[in-house]
Amino acid sequence: MAVGIRPNKALAESSGLFCNKGIVVNDYMQTVTDASVYVVGECAEHRGVAYGLGCAIV
């Protein structure tokens, strides 16, 4: 369990990806802004929840 971390979403925001608590993704982990961008880990926000498990943008 990761406690007390915050998603670093600055790069995503500056790239125009839609962010809230994290980078907002759908059920397939695609960003809602651009389906060719996938997000996992601490930066992803799925259904309103950012879990905080590490970050990788593919």
PDB file of N, CA and C in Angstrom:
ATOM      1  N   MET A   1       0.839  -1.179   0.000  1.00  0.00           N
ATOM      2  CA  MET A   1       0.000   0.000   0.000  1.00  0.00           C
ATOM      3  C   MET A   1       0.881   1.239   0.000  1.00  0.00           C
ATOM      4  N   ALA A   2       0.534   2.215  -0.826  1.00  0.00           N
ATOM      5  CA  ALA A   2       1.247   3.484  -0.874  1.00  0.00           C
ATOM      6  C   ALA A   2       0.409   4.527  -0.151  1.00  0.00           C
ATOM      7  N   VAL A   3       1.028   5.230   0.782  1.00  0.00           N
ATOM      8  CA  VAL A   3       0.287   6.205   1.575  1.00  0.00           C
ATOM      9  C   VAL A   3       0.971   7.563   1.493  1.00  0.00           C
ATOM     10  N   GLY A   4       0.188   8.614   1.309  1.00  0.00           N
ATOM     11  CA  GLY A   4       0.712   9.967   1.351  1.00  0.00           C
ATOM     12  C   GLY A   4       1.427  10.428   0.098  1.00  0.00           C
ATOM     13  N   ILE A   5       1.172   9.775  -1.031  1.00  0.00           N
ATOM     14  CA  ILE A   5       1.807  10.215  -2.271  1.00  0.00           C
ATOM     15  C   ILE A   5       0.821  11.028  -3.086  1.00  0.00           C
ATOM     16  N   ARG A   6       1.350  11.811  -4.009  1.00  0.00           N
ATOM     17  CA  ARG A   6       0.514  12.603  -4.903  1.00  0.00           C
ATOM     18  C   ARG A   6       0.960  12.347  -6.335  1.00  0.00           C
ATOM     19  N   PRO A   7       0.006  12.194  -7.238  1.00  0.00           N
ATOM     20  CA  PRO A   7       0.374  12.030  -8.644  1.00  0.00           C
ATOM     21  C   PRO A   7       1.084  13.275  -9.165  1.00  0.00           C
ATOM     22  N   ASN A   8       2.176  13.080  -9.888  1.00  0.00           N
ATOM     23  CA  ASN A   8       2.847  14.188 -10.562  1.00  0.00           C
ATOM     24  C   ASN A   8       2.268  14.245 -11.964  1.00  0.00           C
ATOM     25  N   LYS A   9       1.305  15.113 -12.134  1.00  0.00           N
ATOM     26  CA  LYS A   9       0.565  15.184 -13.396  1.00  0.00           C
ATOM     27  C   LYS A   9       0.915  16.426 -14.202  1.00  0.00           C
ATOM     28  N   ALA A  10       1.954  17.144 -13.814  1.00  0.00           N
ATOM     29  CA  ALA A  10       2.323  18.401 -14.481  1.00  0.00           C
ATOM     30  C   ALA A  10       2.596  18.208 -15.970  1.00  0.00           C
ATOM     31  N   LEU A  11       3.358  17.179 -16.330  1.00  0.00           N
ATOM     32  CA  LEU A  11       3.663  16.925 -17.743  1.00  0.00           C
ATOM     33  C   LEU A  11       2.388  16.625 -18.526  1.00  0.00           C
ATOM     34  N   ALA A  12       1.518  15.812 -17.942  1.00  0.00           N
ATOM     35  CA  ALA A  12       0.262  15.473 -18.616  1.00  0.00           C
ATOM     36  C   ALA A  12      -0.601  16.711 -18.820  1.00  0.00           C
ATOM     37  N   GLU A  13      -0.702  17.546 -17.802  1.00  0.00           N
ATOM     38  CA  GLU A  13      -1.506  18.766 -17.918  1.00  0.00           C
ATOM     39  C   GLU A  13      -0.935  19.696 -18.986  1.00  0.00           C
ATOM     40  N   SER A  14       0.384  19.839 -18.997  1.00  0.00           N
ATOM     41  CA  SER A  14       0.995  20.724 -19.986  1.00  0.00           C
ATOM     42  C   SER A  14       0.877  20.158 -21.402  1.00  0.00           C
ATOM     43  N   SER A  15       0.638  18.845 -21.503  1.00  0.00           N
ATOM     44  CA  SER A  15       0.450  18.201 -22.807  1.00  0.00           C
ATOM     45  C   SER A  15      -1.004  18.232 -23.260  1.00  0.00           C
ATOM     46  N   GLY A  16      -1.880  18.742 -22.418  1.00  0.00           N
ATOM     47  CA  GLY A  16      -3.287  18.855 -22.786  1.00  0.00           C
ATOM     48  C   GLY A  16      -4.155  17.680 -22.394  1.00  0.00           C
ATOM     49  N   LEU A  17      -3.625  16.728 -21.604  1.00  0.00           N
ATOM     50  CA  LEU A  17      -4.441  15.599 -21.161  1.00  0.00           C
ATOM     51  C   LEU A  17      -5.355  16.038 -20.025  1.00  0.00           C
ATOM     52  N   PHE A  18      -6.573  15.525 -20.008  1.00  0.00           N
ATOM     53  CA  PHE A  18      -7.539  15.888 -18.977  1.00  0.00           C
ATOM     54  C   PHE A  18      -7.130  15.256 -17.649  1.00  0.00           C
ATOM     55  N   CYS A  19      -7.004  16.098 -16.619  1.00  0.00           N
ATOM     56  CA  CYS A  19      -6.595  15.643 -15.283  1.00  0.00           C
ATOM     57  C   CYS A  19      -7.578  16.149 -14.237  1.00  0.00           C
ATOM     58  N   ASN A  20      -7.710  15.385 -13.187  1.00  0.00           N
ATOM     59  CA  ASN A  20      -8.466  15.765 -12.003  1.00  0.00           C
ATOM     60  C   ASN A  20      -7.538  15.485 -10.831  1.00  0.00           C
ATOM     61  N   LYS A  21      -7.757  14.410 -10.068  1.00  0.00           N
ATOM     62  CA  LYS A  21      -6.793  13.971  -9.044  1.00  0.00           C
ATOM     63  C   LYS A  21      -5.558  13.387  -9.708  1.00  0.00           C
ATOM     64  N   GLY A  22      -5.756  12.770 -10.835  1.00  0.00           N
ATOM     65  CA  GLY A  22      -4.706  12.189 -11.665  1.00  0.00           C
ATOM     66  C   GLY A  22      -5.125  12.337 -13.116  1.00  0.00           C
ATOM     67  N   ILE A  23      -4.457  11.624 -14.003  1.00  0.00           N
ATOM     68  CA  ILE A  23      -4.821  11.649 -15.417  1.00  0.00           C
ATOM     69  C   ILE A  23      -6.040  10.740 -15.577  1.00  0.00           C
ATOM     70  N   VAL A  24      -7.133  11.290 -16.038  1.00  0.00           N
ATOM     71  CA  VAL A  24      -8.394  10.552 -16.098  1.00  0.00           C
ATOM     72  C   VAL A  24      -8.352   9.537 -17.237  1.00  0.00           C
ATOM     73  N   VAL A  25      -8.648   8.275 -16.877  1.00  0.00           N
ATOM     74  CA  VAL A  25      -8.617   7.170 -17.836  1.00  0.00           C
ATOM     75  C   VAL A  25      -9.958   6.432 -17.853  1.00  0.00           C
ATOM     76  N   ASN A  26     -10.168   5.683 -18.945  1.00  0.00           N
ATOM     77  CA  ASN A  26     -11.372   4.853 -19.056  1.00  0.00           C
ATOM     78  C   ASN A  26     -11.069   3.432 -18.547  1.00  0.00           C
ATOM     79  N   ASP A  27     -11.985   2.514 -18.764  1.00  0.00           N
ATOM     80  CA  ASP A  27     -11.811   1.132 -18.286  1.00  0.00           C
ATOM     81  C   ASP A  27     -10.654   0.393 -18.959  1.00  0.00           C
ATOM     82  N   TYR A  28     -10.173   0.914 -20.077  1.00  0.00           N
ATOM     83  CA  TYR A  28      -9.057   0.294 -20.791  1.00  0.00           C
ATOM     84  C   TYR A  28      -7.737   0.997 -20.512  1.00  0.00           C
ATOM     85  N   MET A  29      -7.744   1.911 -19.529  1.00  0.00           N
ATOM     86  CA  MET A  29      -6.577   2.698 -19.113  1.00  0.00           C
ATOM     87  C   MET A  29      -6.105   3.673 -20.184  1.00  0.00           C
ATOM     88  N   GLN A  30      -6.990   4.001 -21.123  1.00  0.00           N
ATOM     89  CA  GLN A  30      -6.704   5.026 -22.121  1.00  0.00           C
ATOM     90  C   GLN A  30      -7.121   6.370 -21.537  1.00  0.00           C
ATOM     91  N   THR A  31      -6.353   7.424 -21.842  1.00  0.00           N
ATOM     92  CA  THR A  31      -6.778   8.737 -21.385  1.00  0.00           C
ATOM     93  C   THR A  31      -8.069   9.106 -22.100  1.00  0.00           C
ATOM     94  N   VAL A  32      -8.911   9.858 -21.411  1.00  0.00           N
ATOM     95  CA  VAL A  32     -10.176  10.266 -22.027  1.00  0.00           C
ATOM     96  C   VAL A  32      -9.947  11.331 -23.092  1.00  0.00           C
ATOM     97  N   THR A  33      -8.771  11.946 -23.089  1.00  0.00           N
ATOM     98  CA  THR A  33      -8.431  12.977 -24.067  1.00  0.00           C
ATOM     99  C   THR A  33      -7.928  12.373 -25.371  1.00  0.00           C
ATOM    100  N   ASP A  34      -7.101  11.326 -25.278  1.00  0.00           N
ATOM    101  CA  ASP A  34      -6.447  10.741 -26.455  1.00  0.00           C
ATOM    102  C   ASP A  34      -6.340   9.237 -26.249  1.00  0.00           C
ATOM    103  N   ALA A  35      -7.129   8.473 -26.991  1.00  0.00           N
ATOM    104  CA  ALA A  35      -7.184   7.014 -26.819  1.00  0.00           C
ATOM    105  C   ALA A  35      -5.875   6.313 -27.160  1.00  0.00           C
ATOM    106  N   SER A  36      -4.924   7.005 -27.791  1.00  0.00           N
ATOM    107  CA  SER A  36      -3.638   6.378 -28.101  1.00  0.00           C
ATOM    108  C   SER A  36      -2.647   6.495 -26.941  1.00  0.00           C
ATOM    109  N   VAL A  37      -3.042   7.188 -25.860  1.00  0.00           N
ATOM    110  CA  VAL A  37      -2.184   7.342 -24.685  1.00  0.00           C
ATOM    111  C   VAL A  37      -2.774   6.528 -23.541  1.00  0.00           C
ATOM    112  N   TYR A  38      -1.975   5.615 -22.998  1.00  0.00           N
ATOM    113  CA  TYR A  38      -2.381   4.772 -21.874  1.00  0.00           C
ATOM    114  C   TYR A  38      -1.647   5.220 -20.621  1.00  0.00           C
ATOM    115  N   VAL A  39      -2.309   5.116 -19.466  1.00  0.00           N
ATOM    116  CA  VAL A  39      -1.720   5.551 -18.201  1.00  0.00           C
ATOM    117  C   VAL A  39      -1.963   4.474 -17.147  1.00  0.00           C
ATOM    118  N   VAL A  40      -0.952   4.188 -16.343  1.00  0.00           N
ATOM    119  CA  VAL A  40      -1.088   3.253 -15.230  1.00  0.00           C
ATOM    120  C   VAL A  40      -0.395   3.838 -14.002  1.00  0.00           C
ATOM    121  N   GLY A  41      -0.746   3.333 -12.856  1.00  0.00           N
ATOM    122  CA  GLY A  41      -0.055   3.706 -11.627  1.00  0.00           C
ATOM    123  C   GLY A  41      -0.581   4.964 -10.972  1.00  0.00           C
ATOM    124  N   GLU A  42       0.283   5.618 -10.202  1.00  0.00           N
ATOM    125  CA  GLU A  42      -0.133   6.745  -9.369  1.00  0.00           C
ATOM    126  C   GLU A  42      -0.713   7.903 -10.152  1.00  0.00           C
ATOM    127  N   CYS A  43      -0.352   8.037 -11.407  1.00  0.00           N
ATOM    128  CA  CYS A  43      -0.852   9.154 -12.207  1.00  0.00           C
ATOM    129  C   CYS A  43      -2.245   8.896 -12.757  1.00  0.00           C
ATOM    130  N   ALA A  44      -2.714   7.665 -12.740  1.00  0.00           N
ATOM    131  CA  ALA A  44      -4.016   7.335 -13.313  1.00  0.00           C
ATOM    132  C   ALA A  44      -5.145   7.563 -12.309  1.00  0.00           C
ATOM    133  N   GLU A  45      -6.221   8.132 -12.800  1.00  0.00           N
ATOM    134  CA  GLU A  45      -7.451   8.255 -12.019  1.00  0.00           C
ATOM    135  C   GLU A  45      -8.536   7.506 -12.772  1.00  0.00           C
ATOM    136  N   HIS A  46      -9.017   6.426 -12.179  1.00  0.00           N
ATOM    137  CA  HIS A  46     -10.036   5.581 -12.805  1.00  0.00           C
ATOM    138  C   HIS A  46     -11.303   5.631 -11.976  1.00  0.00           C
ATOM    139  N   ARG A  47     -12.386   6.057 -12.607  1.00  0.00           N
ATOM    140  CA  ARG A  47     -13.687   6.165 -11.941  1.00  0.00           C
ATOM    141  C   ARG A  47     -13.597   6.999 -10.656  1.00  0.00           C
ATOM    142  N   GLY A  48     -12.829   8.079 -10.719  1.00  0.00           N
ATOM    143  CA  GLY A  48     -12.737   9.011  -9.600  1.00  0.00           C
ATOM    144  C   GLY A  48     -11.746   8.647  -8.514  1.00  0.00           C
ATOM    145  N   VAL A  49     -10.983   7.546  -8.708  1.00  0.00           N
ATOM    146  CA  VAL A  49     -10.043   7.097  -7.689  1.00  0.00           C
ATOM    147  C   VAL A  49      -8.628   7.079  -8.265  1.00  0.00           C
ATOM    148  N   ALA A  50      -7.696   7.719  -7.549  1.00  0.00           N
ATOM    149  CA  ALA A  50      -6.273   7.642  -7.876  1.00  0.00           C
ATOM    150  C   ALA A  50      -5.641   6.750  -6.814  1.00  0.00           C
ATOM    151  N   TYR A  51      -5.145   5.580  -7.199  1.00  0.00           N
ATOM    152  CA  TYR A  51      -4.709   4.572  -6.239  1.00  0.00           C
ATOM    153  C   TYR A  51      -3.312   4.774  -5.678  1.00  0.00           C
ATOM    154  N   GLY A  52      -2.395   5.334  -6.442  1.00  0.00           N
ATOM    155  CA  GLY A  52      -1.052   5.600  -5.945  1.00  0.00           C
ATOM    156  C   GLY A  52      -0.150   4.389  -5.904  1.00  0.00           C
ATOM    157  N   LEU A  53       0.195   3.819  -7.047  1.00  0.00           N
ATOM    158  CA  LEU A  53       1.015   2.599  -7.088  1.00  0.00           C
ATOM    159  C   LEU A  53       2.242   2.722  -7.973  1.00  0.00           C
ATOM    160  N   GLY A  54       2.672   3.883  -8.334  1.00  0.00           N
ATOM    161  CA  GLY A  54       3.787   4.053  -9.274  1.00  0.00           C
ATOM    162  C   GLY A  54       3.247   4.585 -10.595  1.00  0.00           C
ATOM    163  N   CYS A  55       4.095   5.036 -11.493  1.00  0.00           N
ATOM    164  CA  CYS A  55       3.582   5.706 -12.689  1.00  0.00           C
ATOM    165  C   CYS A  55       4.352   5.320 -13.946  1.00  0.00           C
ATOM    166  N   ALA A  56       3.626   5.095 -15.011  1.00  0.00           N
ATOM    167  CA  ALA A  56       4.237   4.903 -16.329  1.00  0.00           C
ATOM    168  C   ALA A  56       3.224   5.355 -17.362  1.00  0.00           C
ATOM    169  N   ILE A  57       3.671   6.166 -18.304  1.00  0.00           N
ATOM    170  CA  ILE A  57       2.834   6.569 -19.430  1.00  0.00           C
ATOM    171  C   ILE A  57       3.420   5.934 -20.674  1.00  0.00           C
ATOM    172  N   VAL A  58       2.601   5.159 -21.370  1.00  0.00           N
ATOM    173  CA  VAL A  58       3.081   4.436 -22.544  1.00  0.00           C
ATOM    174  C   VAL A  58       2.579   5.111 -23.791  1.00  0.00           C
TER     175      VAL A  58
END
